[in-house]
Amino acid sequence: MEEYIIIIIRTLFLYFLIILIFRIMGKREIGELSILDLVVFIMIAEMAVMAIEQPKDPIIHTVLPMGVILAVQLLFAWFSLRSKSFRELIDGKPSVIIHNGKIDDVAMKKQRYNYDDLLLQLREKDIFNMADVEFAILEPSGKLSVLKKDRSKKSTQSLTLPLVLDGQIQTTHLDMIGKTAFWLRKELRERGYKNIKEIAFCSFQNGKFYVDLIDSEQ
C-alpha cells in the first residue's frame, strides 16, 4: 500500500514539474516544434516514466537531469535570440520550394523533399492544381506555407522576404528579388537608417519598406 502511495505522489509531483518546465521553456504549437524541442520533450517524458516505475530510486536522480536539460534549453534559446546563425544551426531555416509559380528542384533536393510530399501538403490545404501556387515555403517544422495566385489581378502577388535580420543583410533574399546590398544600403540611408546593425527586421514588398529597429536593452 505504501508503495502505491509513493507512486501516486511521484506521479503528481512529476506532472506539475513537467508543466512548470514546459511553461518556462515558452509557448510553441506542437506542429511547430523544432528537432531540439522534440528531443527535449521525449527525454523528459522518458525520465518521468522511469521515475514512476522505480519508486525506490531517489527522486533527485530524475529532477537533476530535468534541471540540466532545462538549463541547456534556456541557454540555447538565449543564444538563438542573439545569433541568427546559431538559430539556423539549431532550428534550421525555411526553404522556398515554389517561387513565382516555379518549383525549385535544387531546394527540394537539399531538404530531401519530394513531389509526393509537396502534393500531399498542398492537398491538405485544399490545393489540387500546382498552377494555383505562387509561393510555397517549407518551414523548419516541416509545415508548408502557401501563397496562392490571385487570378483577379494581372500582376502576381509578392512574398515578404526579410532583407535584414538581426543586423545582417540577407544576400540570398536580395538575389531572389534581383537587388544588391548596395541598393539596399542606399535605400535605407535615404530613409534615415544609416547603420544596418541597428535594424532587427527589414522587408521590401510591393515597393514599400518595412523596418523594425533593435530594441535597446535597459
N, C-alpha and C. Protein backbone atom coordinates (compact mmCIF):
# COMPACT_ATOMS: atom_id res chain seq x y z
N MET A 1 0.83 -1.21 0.00
CA MET A 1 0.00 0.00 0.00
C MET A 1 0.86 1.26 0.00
N GLU A 2 1.92 1.21 0.80
CA GLU A 2 2.82 2.36 0.90
C GLU A 2 3.48 2.65 -0.46
N GLU A 3 3.82 1.58 -1.18
CA GLU A 3 4.46 1.76 -2.49
C GLU A 3 3.53 2.46 -3.48
N TYR A 4 2.24 2.12 -3.42
CA TYR A 4 1.26 2.75 -4.32
C TYR A 4 1.10 4.24 -4.00
N ILE A 5 1.15 4.56 -2.72
CA ILE A 5 1.04 5.98 -2.32
C ILE A 5 2.24 6.77 -2.84
N ILE A 6 3.43 6.15 -2.73
CA ILE A 6 4.64 6.81 -3.24
C ILE A 6 4.54 7.03 -4.74
N ILE A 7 4.04 6.04 -5.46
CA ILE A 7 3.89 6.16 -6.92
C ILE A 7 2.93 7.30 -7.26
N ILE A 8 1.82 7.39 -6.53
CA ILE A 8 0.84 8.46 -6.78
C ILE A 8 1.45 9.83 -6.52
N ILE A 9 2.18 9.93 -5.39
CA ILE A 9 2.81 11.21 -5.04
C ILE A 9 3.85 11.60 -6.08
N ARG A 10 4.67 10.63 -6.50
CA ARG A 10 5.68 10.89 -7.53
C ARG A 10 5.03 11.33 -8.85
N THR A 11 3.95 10.65 -9.21
CA THR A 11 3.27 10.97 -10.47
C THR A 11 2.75 12.40 -10.45
N LEU A 12 2.11 12.80 -9.35
CA LEU A 12 1.58 14.16 -9.24
C LEU A 12 2.71 15.19 -9.24
N PHE A 13 3.77 14.87 -8.50
CA PHE A 13 4.91 15.79 -8.43
C PHE A 13 5.54 16.00 -9.81
N LEU A 14 5.77 14.90 -10.52
CA LEU A 14 6.39 14.99 -11.84
C LEU A 14 5.46 15.65 -12.85
N TYR A 15 4.17 15.42 -12.69
CA TYR A 15 3.18 16.04 -13.59
C TYR A 15 3.28 17.56 -13.51
N PHE A 16 3.25 18.09 -12.30
CA PHE A 16 3.32 19.55 -12.13
C PHE A 16 4.72 20.08 -12.46
N LEU A 17 5.74 19.27 -12.19
CA LEU A 17 7.11 19.69 -12.52
C LEU A 17 7.29 19.83 -14.03
N ILE A 18 6.77 18.87 -14.79
CA ILE A 18 6.90 18.91 -16.25
C ILE A 18 6.11 20.09 -16.82
N ILE A 19 4.92 20.34 -16.27
CA ILE A 19 4.14 21.50 -16.71
C ILE A 19 4.94 22.79 -16.47
N LEU A 20 5.58 22.88 -15.31
CA LEU A 20 6.39 24.06 -14.98
C LEU A 20 7.56 24.21 -15.95
N ILE A 21 8.24 23.09 -16.24
CA ILE A 21 9.38 23.12 -17.17
C ILE A 21 8.95 23.59 -18.55
N PHE A 22 7.84 23.06 -19.06
CA PHE A 22 7.37 23.44 -20.39
C PHE A 22 6.92 24.90 -20.42
N ARG A 23 6.36 25.38 -19.31
CA ARG A 23 5.97 26.79 -19.24
C ARG A 23 7.20 27.69 -19.28
N ILE A 24 8.25 27.27 -18.58
CA ILE A 24 9.49 28.06 -18.58
C ILE A 24 10.13 28.07 -19.96
N MET A 25 10.03 26.94 -20.67
CA MET A 25 10.63 26.84 -22.00
C MET A 25 9.93 27.71 -23.02
N GLY A 26 8.69 28.13 -22.75
CA GLY A 26 7.98 29.01 -23.66
C GLY A 26 6.89 28.29 -24.43
N LYS A 27 6.04 29.09 -25.07
CA LYS A 27 4.89 28.54 -25.81
C LYS A 27 5.26 28.28 -27.25
N ARG A 28 4.87 27.12 -27.73
CA ARG A 28 5.04 26.78 -29.14
C ARG A 28 4.06 25.67 -29.49
N GLU A 29 3.44 25.80 -30.64
CA GLU A 29 2.49 24.79 -31.07
C GLU A 29 3.20 23.46 -31.33
N ILE A 30 2.48 22.35 -31.09
CA ILE A 30 3.05 21.02 -31.29
C ILE A 30 3.55 20.86 -32.71
N GLY A 31 2.81 21.37 -33.68
CA GLY A 31 3.20 21.24 -35.08
C GLY A 31 4.38 22.09 -35.46
N GLU A 32 4.80 23.00 -34.57
CA GLU A 32 5.91 23.90 -34.87
C GLU A 32 7.15 23.59 -34.03
N LEU A 33 7.16 22.43 -33.38
CA LEU A 33 8.30 22.07 -32.56
C LEU A 33 9.53 21.84 -33.43
N SER A 34 10.67 22.34 -32.96
CA SER A 34 11.92 22.07 -33.65
C SER A 34 12.42 20.69 -33.24
N ILE A 35 13.44 20.21 -33.92
CA ILE A 35 14.01 18.91 -33.58
C ILE A 35 14.54 18.92 -32.15
N LEU A 36 15.15 20.04 -31.77
CA LEU A 36 15.68 20.17 -30.41
C LEU A 36 14.57 20.10 -29.38
N ASP A 37 13.46 20.79 -29.62
CA ASP A 37 12.33 20.75 -28.69
C ASP A 37 11.79 19.33 -28.57
N LEU A 38 11.68 18.66 -29.70
CA LEU A 38 11.14 17.29 -29.70
C LEU A 38 12.03 16.35 -28.89
N VAL A 39 13.34 16.48 -29.05
CA VAL A 39 14.28 15.65 -28.30
C VAL A 39 14.15 15.91 -26.80
N VAL A 40 14.04 17.18 -26.43
CA VAL A 40 13.90 17.54 -25.02
C VAL A 40 12.62 16.96 -24.43
N PHE A 41 11.51 17.07 -25.17
CA PHE A 41 10.24 16.56 -24.68
C PHE A 41 10.29 15.05 -24.48
N ILE A 42 10.90 14.35 -25.44
CA ILE A 42 10.99 12.89 -25.34
C ILE A 42 11.86 12.47 -24.15
N MET A 43 13.00 13.15 -23.97
CA MET A 43 13.90 12.81 -22.87
C MET A 43 13.23 13.04 -21.52
N ILE A 44 12.54 14.17 -21.37
CA ILE A 44 11.87 14.46 -20.10
C ILE A 44 10.76 13.44 -19.83
N ALA A 45 10.03 13.10 -20.87
CA ALA A 45 8.96 12.10 -20.70
C ALA A 45 9.53 10.75 -20.28
N GLU A 46 10.65 10.34 -20.89
CA GLU A 46 11.27 9.06 -20.53
C GLU A 46 11.77 9.08 -19.09
N MET A 47 12.34 10.20 -18.66
CA MET A 47 12.82 10.31 -17.28
C MET A 47 11.67 10.19 -16.30
N ALA A 48 10.55 10.83 -16.64
CA ALA A 48 9.38 10.78 -15.76
C ALA A 48 8.85 9.35 -15.64
N VAL A 49 8.80 8.64 -16.73
CA VAL A 49 8.31 7.25 -16.72
C VAL A 49 9.21 6.37 -15.86
N MET A 50 10.53 6.54 -16.02
CA MET A 50 11.47 5.73 -15.24
C MET A 50 11.34 6.03 -13.75
N ALA A 51 11.12 7.31 -13.41
CA ALA A 51 10.99 7.68 -12.00
C ALA A 51 9.74 7.07 -11.37
N ILE A 52 8.67 6.99 -12.15
CA ILE A 52 7.41 6.42 -11.65
C ILE A 52 7.52 4.90 -11.52
N GLU A 53 8.21 4.28 -12.48
CA GLU A 53 8.35 2.82 -12.46
C GLU A 53 9.34 2.33 -11.40
N GLN A 54 10.21 3.23 -10.93
CA GLN A 54 11.21 2.85 -9.93
C GLN A 54 11.02 3.73 -8.68
N PRO A 55 10.00 3.47 -7.88
CA PRO A 55 9.68 4.32 -6.74
C PRO A 55 10.76 4.33 -5.64
N LYS A 56 11.62 3.32 -5.63
CA LYS A 56 12.67 3.26 -4.60
C LYS A 56 13.88 4.12 -4.96
N ASP A 57 13.97 4.51 -6.22
CA ASP A 57 15.09 5.35 -6.67
C ASP A 57 14.84 6.79 -6.20
N PRO A 58 15.85 7.45 -5.60
CA PRO A 58 15.67 8.84 -5.13
C PRO A 58 15.16 9.75 -6.24
N ILE A 59 14.18 10.59 -5.91
CA ILE A 59 13.56 11.46 -6.91
C ILE A 59 14.56 12.47 -7.48
N ILE A 60 15.62 12.76 -6.73
CA ILE A 60 16.62 13.72 -7.20
C ILE A 60 17.33 13.20 -8.45
N HIS A 61 17.39 11.87 -8.59
CA HIS A 61 18.03 11.28 -9.78
C HIS A 61 17.24 11.60 -11.05
N THR A 62 16.00 12.00 -10.89
CA THR A 62 15.19 12.42 -12.04
C THR A 62 15.12 13.93 -12.15
N VAL A 63 14.97 14.61 -11.03
CA VAL A 63 14.83 16.07 -11.04
C VAL A 63 16.11 16.74 -11.54
N LEU A 64 17.27 16.22 -11.12
CA LEU A 64 18.55 16.83 -11.52
C LEU A 64 18.77 16.81 -13.04
N PRO A 65 18.61 15.65 -13.71
CA PRO A 65 18.75 15.65 -15.17
C PRO A 65 17.73 16.55 -15.87
N MET A 66 16.50 16.61 -15.34
CA MET A 66 15.50 17.51 -15.91
C MET A 66 15.95 18.97 -15.81
N GLY A 67 16.53 19.31 -14.66
CA GLY A 67 17.03 20.67 -14.46
C GLY A 67 18.16 21.00 -15.41
N VAL A 68 19.04 20.01 -15.64
CA VAL A 68 20.17 20.22 -16.56
C VAL A 68 19.64 20.45 -17.98
N ILE A 69 18.68 19.64 -18.40
CA ILE A 69 18.11 19.79 -19.75
C ILE A 69 17.43 21.15 -19.90
N LEU A 70 16.69 21.56 -18.87
CA LEU A 70 16.03 22.86 -18.89
C LEU A 70 17.06 23.98 -19.01
N ALA A 71 18.14 23.89 -18.25
CA ALA A 71 19.18 24.92 -18.29
C ALA A 71 19.82 25.00 -19.68
N VAL A 72 20.10 23.84 -20.28
CA VAL A 72 20.68 23.81 -21.63
C VAL A 72 19.72 24.41 -22.65
N GLN A 73 18.44 24.07 -22.51
CA GLN A 73 17.43 24.59 -23.43
C GLN A 73 17.31 26.10 -23.33
N LEU A 74 17.33 26.63 -22.12
CA LEU A 74 17.25 28.07 -21.93
C LEU A 74 18.50 28.77 -22.46
N LEU A 75 19.65 28.12 -22.29
CA LEU A 75 20.90 28.68 -22.80
C LEU A 75 20.88 28.74 -24.32
N PHE A 76 20.40 27.67 -24.94
CA PHE A 76 20.29 27.64 -26.40
C PHE A 76 19.30 28.71 -26.89
N ALA A 77 18.20 28.88 -26.15
CA ALA A 77 17.21 29.90 -26.52
C ALA A 77 17.82 31.29 -26.43
N TRP A 78 18.66 31.52 -25.43
CA TRP A 78 19.32 32.82 -25.26
C TRP A 78 20.26 33.10 -26.44
N PHE A 79 21.04 32.08 -26.82
CA PHE A 79 21.94 32.25 -27.97
C PHE A 79 21.15 32.42 -29.26
N SER A 80 20.03 31.73 -29.39
CA SER A 80 19.21 31.81 -30.61
C SER A 80 18.64 33.20 -30.80
N LEU A 81 18.29 33.87 -29.69
CA LEU A 81 17.75 35.21 -29.79
C LEU A 81 18.79 36.23 -30.24
N ARG A 82 20.05 35.91 -30.01
CA ARG A 82 21.12 36.86 -30.30
C ARG A 82 21.95 36.52 -31.54
N SER A 83 21.76 35.33 -32.07
CA SER A 83 22.55 34.91 -33.23
C SER A 83 21.68 34.18 -34.24
N LYS A 84 21.53 34.78 -35.41
CA LYS A 84 20.75 34.15 -36.46
C LYS A 84 21.43 32.86 -36.93
N SER A 85 22.75 32.87 -37.01
CA SER A 85 23.49 31.69 -37.45
C SER A 85 23.27 30.52 -36.51
N PHE A 86 23.31 30.80 -35.21
CA PHE A 86 23.08 29.75 -34.21
C PHE A 86 21.64 29.26 -34.30
N ARG A 87 20.70 30.18 -34.51
CA ARG A 87 19.29 29.81 -34.62
C ARG A 87 19.06 28.89 -35.81
N GLU A 88 19.70 29.20 -36.93
CA GLU A 88 19.55 28.35 -38.12
C GLU A 88 20.22 27.00 -37.92
N LEU A 89 21.33 26.98 -37.15
CA LEU A 89 22.02 25.73 -36.88
C LEU A 89 21.15 24.80 -36.04
N ILE A 90 20.45 25.36 -35.07
CA ILE A 90 19.62 24.57 -34.17
C ILE A 90 18.26 24.24 -34.78
N ASP A 91 17.58 25.26 -35.29
CA ASP A 91 16.21 25.08 -35.76
C ASP A 91 16.10 24.86 -37.27
N GLY A 92 17.18 25.17 -38.01
CA GLY A 92 17.07 25.12 -39.46
C GLY A 92 16.48 26.42 -39.99
N LYS A 93 16.31 26.54 -41.29
CA LYS A 93 15.73 27.75 -41.86
C LYS A 93 14.73 27.38 -42.95
N PRO A 94 13.77 28.26 -43.19
CA PRO A 94 12.75 27.96 -44.21
C PRO A 94 13.36 27.90 -45.61
N SER A 95 12.76 27.09 -46.47
CA SER A 95 13.22 26.96 -47.85
C SER A 95 12.07 27.27 -48.79
N VAL A 96 12.33 28.11 -49.77
CA VAL A 96 11.32 28.45 -50.76
C VAL A 96 11.28 27.33 -51.80
N ILE A 97 10.20 26.57 -51.79
CA ILE A 97 10.05 25.43 -52.69
C ILE A 97 9.46 25.85 -54.04
N ILE A 98 8.52 26.79 -53.99
CA ILE A 98 7.93 27.33 -55.22
C ILE A 98 8.08 28.84 -55.19
N HIS A 99 8.70 29.41 -56.23
CA HIS A 99 8.95 30.84 -56.29
C HIS A 99 8.41 31.39 -57.61
N ASN A 100 7.47 32.33 -57.49
CA ASN A 100 6.81 32.89 -58.68
C ASN A 100 6.23 31.79 -59.57
N GLY A 101 5.63 30.78 -58.93
CA GLY A 101 4.98 29.71 -59.66
C GLY A 101 5.90 28.63 -60.19
N LYS A 102 7.21 28.75 -59.95
CA LYS A 102 8.18 27.76 -60.46
C LYS A 102 8.75 26.94 -59.31
N ILE A 103 8.74 25.63 -59.48
CA ILE A 103 9.26 24.73 -58.46
C ILE A 103 10.78 24.74 -58.47
N ASP A 104 11.38 24.87 -57.29
CA ASP A 104 12.83 24.87 -57.14
C ASP A 104 13.29 23.45 -56.79
N ASP A 105 13.73 22.71 -57.81
CA ASP A 105 14.15 21.33 -57.59
C ASP A 105 15.38 21.23 -56.69
N VAL A 106 16.27 22.21 -56.82
CA VAL A 106 17.50 22.20 -56.01
C VAL A 106 17.16 22.32 -54.53
N ALA A 107 16.26 23.24 -54.21
CA ALA A 107 15.85 23.43 -52.81
C ALA A 107 15.18 22.17 -52.27
N MET A 108 14.38 21.51 -53.11
CA MET A 108 13.71 20.29 -52.68
C MET A 108 14.71 19.18 -52.38
N LYS A 109 15.72 19.05 -53.22
CA LYS A 109 16.73 18.01 -53.00
C LYS A 109 17.53 18.27 -51.73
N LYS A 110 17.83 19.53 -51.46
CA LYS A 110 18.58 19.87 -50.25
C LYS A 110 17.80 19.48 -48.99
N GLN A 111 16.49 19.60 -49.06
CA GLN A 111 15.65 19.28 -47.90
C GLN A 111 15.17 17.83 -47.91
N ARG A 112 15.64 17.05 -48.93
CA ARG A 112 15.18 15.66 -49.09
C ARG A 112 13.65 15.61 -49.11
N TYR A 113 13.11 16.51 -49.92
CA TYR A 113 11.67 16.72 -50.02
C TYR A 113 11.25 16.38 -51.44
N ASN A 114 10.32 15.46 -51.61
CA ASN A 114 9.96 15.01 -52.95
C ASN A 114 8.59 15.55 -53.38
N TYR A 115 8.22 15.24 -54.63
CA TYR A 115 6.97 15.74 -55.19
C TYR A 115 5.75 15.14 -54.49
N ASP A 116 5.88 13.91 -54.04
CA ASP A 116 4.77 13.30 -53.31
C ASP A 116 4.48 14.07 -52.03
N ASP A 117 5.55 14.46 -51.32
CA ASP A 117 5.39 15.26 -50.10
C ASP A 117 4.73 16.59 -50.43
N LEU A 118 5.20 17.22 -51.50
CA LEU A 118 4.67 18.53 -51.89
C LEU A 118 3.18 18.44 -52.24
N LEU A 119 2.83 17.47 -53.07
CA LEU A 119 1.43 17.32 -53.48
C LEU A 119 0.53 16.99 -52.30
N LEU A 120 1.04 16.16 -51.39
CA LEU A 120 0.27 15.79 -50.21
C LEU A 120 -0.05 17.02 -49.36
N GLN A 121 0.97 17.83 -49.10
CA GLN A 121 0.76 19.00 -48.25
C GLN A 121 -0.09 20.06 -48.95
N LEU A 122 -0.01 20.13 -50.26
CA LEU A 122 -0.88 21.05 -51.00
C LEU A 122 -2.33 20.59 -50.92
N ARG A 123 -2.54 19.28 -51.04
CA ARG A 123 -3.91 18.75 -50.93
C ARG A 123 -4.50 19.01 -49.54
N GLU A 124 -3.65 18.95 -48.54
CA GLU A 124 -4.11 19.21 -47.17
C GLU A 124 -4.59 20.65 -47.02
N LYS A 125 -4.14 21.52 -47.92
CA LYS A 125 -4.57 22.92 -47.93
C LYS A 125 -5.64 23.17 -48.99
N ASP A 126 -6.23 22.08 -49.49
CA ASP A 126 -7.29 22.15 -50.50
C ASP A 126 -6.81 22.78 -51.80
N ILE A 127 -5.54 22.52 -52.14
CA ILE A 127 -4.98 22.98 -53.42
C ILE A 127 -4.67 21.74 -54.25
N PHE A 128 -5.37 21.58 -55.35
CA PHE A 128 -5.22 20.38 -56.18
C PHE A 128 -4.57 20.69 -57.52
N ASN A 129 -4.29 21.95 -57.77
CA ASN A 129 -3.65 22.35 -59.02
C ASN A 129 -2.38 23.12 -58.71
N MET A 130 -1.23 22.59 -59.12
CA MET A 130 0.05 23.23 -58.86
C MET A 130 0.11 24.63 -59.46
N ALA A 131 -0.64 24.85 -60.54
CA ALA A 131 -0.63 26.15 -61.22
C ALA A 131 -1.26 27.25 -60.38
N ASP A 132 -1.96 26.87 -59.31
CA ASP A 132 -2.61 27.87 -58.45
C ASP A 132 -1.65 28.44 -57.41
N VAL A 133 -0.44 27.91 -57.33
CA VAL A 133 0.50 28.31 -56.28
C VAL A 133 1.50 29.34 -56.79
N GLU A 134 1.58 30.45 -56.08
CA GLU A 134 2.55 31.50 -56.40
C GLU A 134 3.86 31.27 -55.62
N PHE A 135 3.71 31.03 -54.31
CA PHE A 135 4.86 30.75 -53.46
C PHE A 135 4.52 29.61 -52.51
N ALA A 136 5.52 28.79 -52.21
CA ALA A 136 5.38 27.74 -51.20
C ALA A 136 6.69 27.67 -50.42
N ILE A 137 6.58 27.75 -49.11
CA ILE A 137 7.76 27.76 -48.25
C ILE A 137 7.70 26.59 -47.29
N LEU A 138 8.75 25.80 -47.26
CA LEU A 138 8.85 24.69 -46.32
C LEU A 138 9.50 25.21 -45.05
N GLU A 139 8.71 25.27 -43.98
CA GLU A 139 9.18 25.82 -42.72
C GLU A 139 10.10 24.82 -42.01
N PRO A 140 10.92 25.29 -41.05
CA PRO A 140 11.80 24.38 -40.31
C PRO A 140 11.05 23.27 -39.59
N SER A 141 9.78 23.51 -39.24
CA SER A 141 8.99 22.49 -38.55
C SER A 141 8.48 21.41 -39.51
N GLY A 142 8.65 21.64 -40.84
CA GLY A 142 8.13 20.70 -41.83
C GLY A 142 6.79 21.12 -42.38
N LYS A 143 6.22 22.19 -41.83
CA LYS A 143 4.95 22.71 -42.31
C LYS A 143 5.16 23.48 -43.62
N LEU A 144 4.20 23.38 -44.53
CA LEU A 144 4.28 24.07 -45.82
C LEU A 144 3.37 25.29 -45.78
N SER A 145 3.97 26.47 -45.98
CA SER A 145 3.20 27.71 -46.07
C SER A 145 3.02 28.06 -47.54
N VAL A 146 1.78 28.37 -47.93
CA VAL A 146 1.47 28.56 -49.34
C VAL A 146 0.77 29.90 -49.58
N LEU A 147 1.19 30.59 -50.64
CA LEU A 147 0.52 31.80 -51.11
C LEU A 147 -0.02 31.50 -52.50
N LYS A 148 -1.34 31.55 -52.62
CA LYS A 148 -1.97 31.22 -53.89
C LYS A 148 -1.95 32.42 -54.84
N LYS A 149 -2.02 32.13 -56.12
CA LYS A 149 -2.09 33.17 -57.14
C LYS A 149 -3.45 33.86 -57.07
N ASP A 150 -3.41 35.17 -57.31
CA ASP A 150 -4.65 35.93 -57.34
C ASP A 150 -5.07 36.09 -58.79
N ARG A 151 -6.04 35.32 -59.20
CA ARG A 151 -6.48 35.33 -60.60
C ARG A 151 -7.20 36.61 -60.97
N SER A 152 -7.63 37.37 -59.99
CA SER A 152 -8.37 38.59 -60.29
C SER A 152 -7.48 39.76 -60.65
N LYS A 153 -6.15 39.58 -60.42
CA LYS A 153 -5.20 40.65 -60.72
C LYS A 153 -4.27 40.21 -61.84
N LYS A 154 -3.85 41.18 -62.62
CA LYS A 154 -2.93 40.88 -63.71
C LYS A 154 -1.53 40.58 -63.19
N SER A 155 -1.13 41.31 -62.16
CA SER A 155 0.22 41.11 -61.61
C SER A 155 0.17 40.06 -60.51
N THR A 156 1.25 39.32 -60.36
CA THR A 156 1.31 38.29 -59.33
C THR A 156 1.57 38.91 -57.97
N GLN A 157 1.21 38.19 -56.94
CA GLN A 157 1.46 38.67 -55.59
C GLN A 157 2.94 38.53 -55.27
N SER A 158 3.39 39.32 -54.31
CA SER A 158 4.79 39.25 -53.91
C SER A 158 4.89 38.64 -52.52
N LEU A 159 6.04 38.05 -52.26
CA LEU A 159 6.28 37.36 -51.00
C LEU A 159 7.14 38.24 -50.11
N THR A 160 6.77 38.32 -48.84
CA THR A 160 7.56 39.09 -47.90
C THR A 160 8.82 38.32 -47.54
N LEU A 161 9.96 38.84 -47.97
CA LEU A 161 11.24 38.21 -47.66
C LEU A 161 12.07 39.17 -46.81
N PRO A 162 12.59 38.72 -45.68
CA PRO A 162 13.43 39.60 -44.88
C PRO A 162 14.74 39.91 -45.58
N LEU A 163 15.02 41.19 -45.77
CA LEU A 163 16.28 41.60 -46.38
C LEU A 163 17.35 41.86 -45.33
N VAL A 164 16.90 42.15 -44.11
CA VAL A 164 17.83 42.31 -42.98
C VAL A 164 17.24 41.59 -41.78
N LEU A 165 18.05 40.75 -41.14
CA LEU A 165 17.64 40.05 -39.93
C LEU A 165 18.73 40.20 -38.88
N ASP A 166 18.34 40.71 -37.72
CA ASP A 166 19.30 40.87 -36.61
C ASP A 166 20.56 41.60 -37.05
N GLY A 167 20.40 42.63 -37.87
CA GLY A 167 21.54 43.45 -38.28
C GLY A 167 22.38 42.86 -39.39
N GLN A 168 21.92 41.78 -40.02
CA GLN A 168 22.68 41.13 -41.08
C GLN A 168 21.88 41.14 -42.38
N ILE A 169 22.53 41.55 -43.48
CA ILE A 169 21.88 41.58 -44.79
C ILE A 169 21.72 40.16 -45.31
N GLN A 170 20.53 39.85 -45.79
CA GLN A 170 20.23 38.52 -46.34
C GLN A 170 20.44 38.54 -47.86
N THR A 171 21.65 38.26 -48.26
CA THR A 171 22.00 38.36 -49.68
C THR A 171 21.21 37.39 -50.55
N THR A 172 20.87 36.23 -50.00
CA THR A 172 20.10 35.24 -50.77
C THR A 172 18.74 35.81 -51.16
N HIS A 173 18.09 36.49 -50.22
CA HIS A 173 16.79 37.08 -50.49
C HIS A 173 16.90 38.25 -51.45
N LEU A 174 18.00 39.00 -51.36
CA LEU A 174 18.22 40.10 -52.30
C LEU A 174 18.35 39.56 -53.72
N ASP A 175 19.06 38.44 -53.85
CA ASP A 175 19.21 37.83 -55.18
C ASP A 175 17.86 37.40 -55.74
N MET A 176 16.97 36.93 -54.86
CA MET A 176 15.67 36.45 -55.30
C MET A 176 14.80 37.57 -55.86
N ILE A 177 15.00 38.81 -55.37
CA ILE A 177 14.20 39.93 -55.88
C ILE A 177 15.00 40.78 -56.87
N GLY A 178 16.21 40.31 -57.22
CA GLY A 178 17.01 40.99 -58.22
C GLY A 178 17.63 42.28 -57.74
N LYS A 179 17.95 42.36 -56.45
CA LYS A 179 18.56 43.56 -55.89
C LYS A 179 19.92 43.24 -55.28
N THR A 180 20.67 44.29 -54.94
CA THR A 180 22.01 44.12 -54.38
C THR A 180 22.08 44.75 -52.99
N ALA A 181 23.16 44.42 -52.28
CA ALA A 181 23.37 45.00 -50.95
C ALA A 181 23.60 46.51 -51.07
N PHE A 182 24.26 46.94 -52.14
CA PHE A 182 24.48 48.37 -52.36
C PHE A 182 23.15 49.11 -52.50
N TRP A 183 22.24 48.52 -53.27
CA TRP A 183 20.91 49.12 -53.45
C TRP A 183 20.18 49.21 -52.12
N LEU A 184 20.26 48.17 -51.32
CA LEU A 184 19.57 48.15 -50.03
C LEU A 184 20.12 49.22 -49.09
N ARG A 185 21.45 49.30 -48.98
CA ARG A 185 22.06 50.32 -48.11
C ARG A 185 21.67 51.72 -48.55
N LYS A 186 21.67 51.95 -49.86
CA LYS A 186 21.32 53.27 -50.40
C LYS A 186 19.87 53.62 -50.06
N GLU A 187 18.94 52.69 -50.27
CA GLU A 187 17.54 52.93 -49.99
C GLU A 187 17.30 53.18 -48.51
N LEU A 188 18.00 52.44 -47.67
CA LEU A 188 17.81 52.60 -46.23
C LEU A 188 18.40 53.92 -45.74
N ARG A 189 19.56 54.31 -46.31
CA ARG A 189 20.16 55.60 -45.92
C ARG A 189 19.23 56.76 -46.28
N GLU A 190 18.58 56.66 -47.43
CA GLU A 190 17.66 57.71 -47.85
C GLU A 190 16.46 57.82 -46.92
N ARG A 191 16.19 56.74 -46.20
CA ARG A 191 15.06 56.73 -45.25
C ARG A 191 15.51 56.95 -43.81
N GLY A 192 16.79 57.29 -43.65
CA GLY A 192 17.30 57.63 -42.32
C GLY A 192 17.92 56.50 -41.54
N TYR A 193 18.05 55.34 -42.18
CA TYR A 193 18.65 54.18 -41.49
C TYR A 193 20.09 54.01 -41.99
N LYS A 194 21.03 54.56 -41.26
CA LYS A 194 22.42 54.57 -41.72
C LYS A 194 23.22 53.35 -41.26
N ASN A 195 22.79 52.75 -40.17
CA ASN A 195 23.54 51.62 -39.61
C ASN A 195 22.71 50.34 -39.71
N ILE A 196 23.12 49.43 -40.56
CA ILE A 196 22.40 48.16 -40.74
C ILE A 196 22.34 47.37 -39.44
N LYS A 197 23.39 47.49 -38.62
CA LYS A 197 23.46 46.72 -37.37
C LYS A 197 22.35 47.09 -36.40
N GLU A 198 21.72 48.24 -36.59
CA GLU A 198 20.66 48.68 -35.69
C GLU A 198 19.29 48.17 -36.11
N ILE A 199 19.22 47.47 -37.25
CA ILE A 199 17.94 47.01 -37.78
C ILE A 199 17.69 45.55 -37.39
N ALA A 200 16.57 45.29 -36.74
CA ALA A 200 16.22 43.92 -36.35
C ALA A 200 15.56 43.19 -37.51
N PHE A 201 14.71 43.90 -38.26
CA PHE A 201 13.98 43.27 -39.36
C PHE A 201 13.69 44.32 -40.43
N CYS A 202 13.94 43.94 -41.67
CA CYS A 202 13.63 44.83 -42.79
C CYS A 202 13.13 43.98 -43.96
N SER A 203 12.00 44.38 -44.52
CA SER A 203 11.46 43.68 -45.69
C SER A 203 11.06 44.71 -46.74
N PHE A 204 10.93 44.24 -47.97
CA PHE A 204 10.54 45.10 -49.10
C PHE A 204 9.47 44.38 -49.89
N GLN A 205 8.28 44.96 -49.93
CA GLN A 205 7.16 44.32 -50.60
C GLN A 205 6.28 45.37 -51.26
N ASN A 206 5.96 45.09 -52.52
CA ASN A 206 5.10 46.00 -53.30
C ASN A 206 5.62 47.43 -53.30
N GLY A 207 6.96 47.55 -53.39
CA GLY A 207 7.58 48.87 -53.48
C GLY A 207 7.71 49.61 -52.17
N LYS A 208 7.38 48.96 -51.05
CA LYS A 208 7.44 49.63 -49.76
C LYS A 208 8.34 48.86 -48.79
N PHE A 209 9.07 49.64 -47.98
CA PHE A 209 9.94 49.05 -46.96
C PHE A 209 9.21 48.97 -45.62
N TYR A 210 9.50 47.90 -44.90
CA TYR A 210 9.08 47.80 -43.51
C TYR A 210 10.35 47.60 -42.68
N VAL A 211 10.58 48.50 -41.73
CA VAL A 211 11.82 48.44 -40.94
C VAL A 211 11.48 48.46 -39.45
N ASP A 212 12.09 47.54 -38.71
CA ASP A 212 11.93 47.49 -37.27
C ASP A 212 13.32 47.50 -36.64
N LEU A 213 13.56 48.48 -35.78
CA LEU A 213 14.89 48.62 -35.18
C LEU A 213 15.05 47.69 -33.96
N ILE A 214 16.30 47.35 -33.67
CA ILE A 214 16.61 46.55 -32.49
C ILE A 214 16.34 47.37 -31.24
N ASP A 215 15.58 46.79 -30.32
CA ASP A 215 15.28 47.49 -29.06
C ASP A 215 16.54 47.57 -28.22
N SER A 216 16.82 48.75 -27.71
CA SER A 216 17.99 48.92 -26.84
C SER A 216 17.66 48.35 -25.47
N GLU A 217 18.60 47.57 -24.93
CA GLU A 217 18.40 46.95 -23.61
C GLU A 217 18.59 48.00 -22.52
N GLN A 218 17.65 47.98 -21.60
CA GLN A 218 17.71 48.93 -20.49
C GLN A 218 18.65 48.42 -19.40
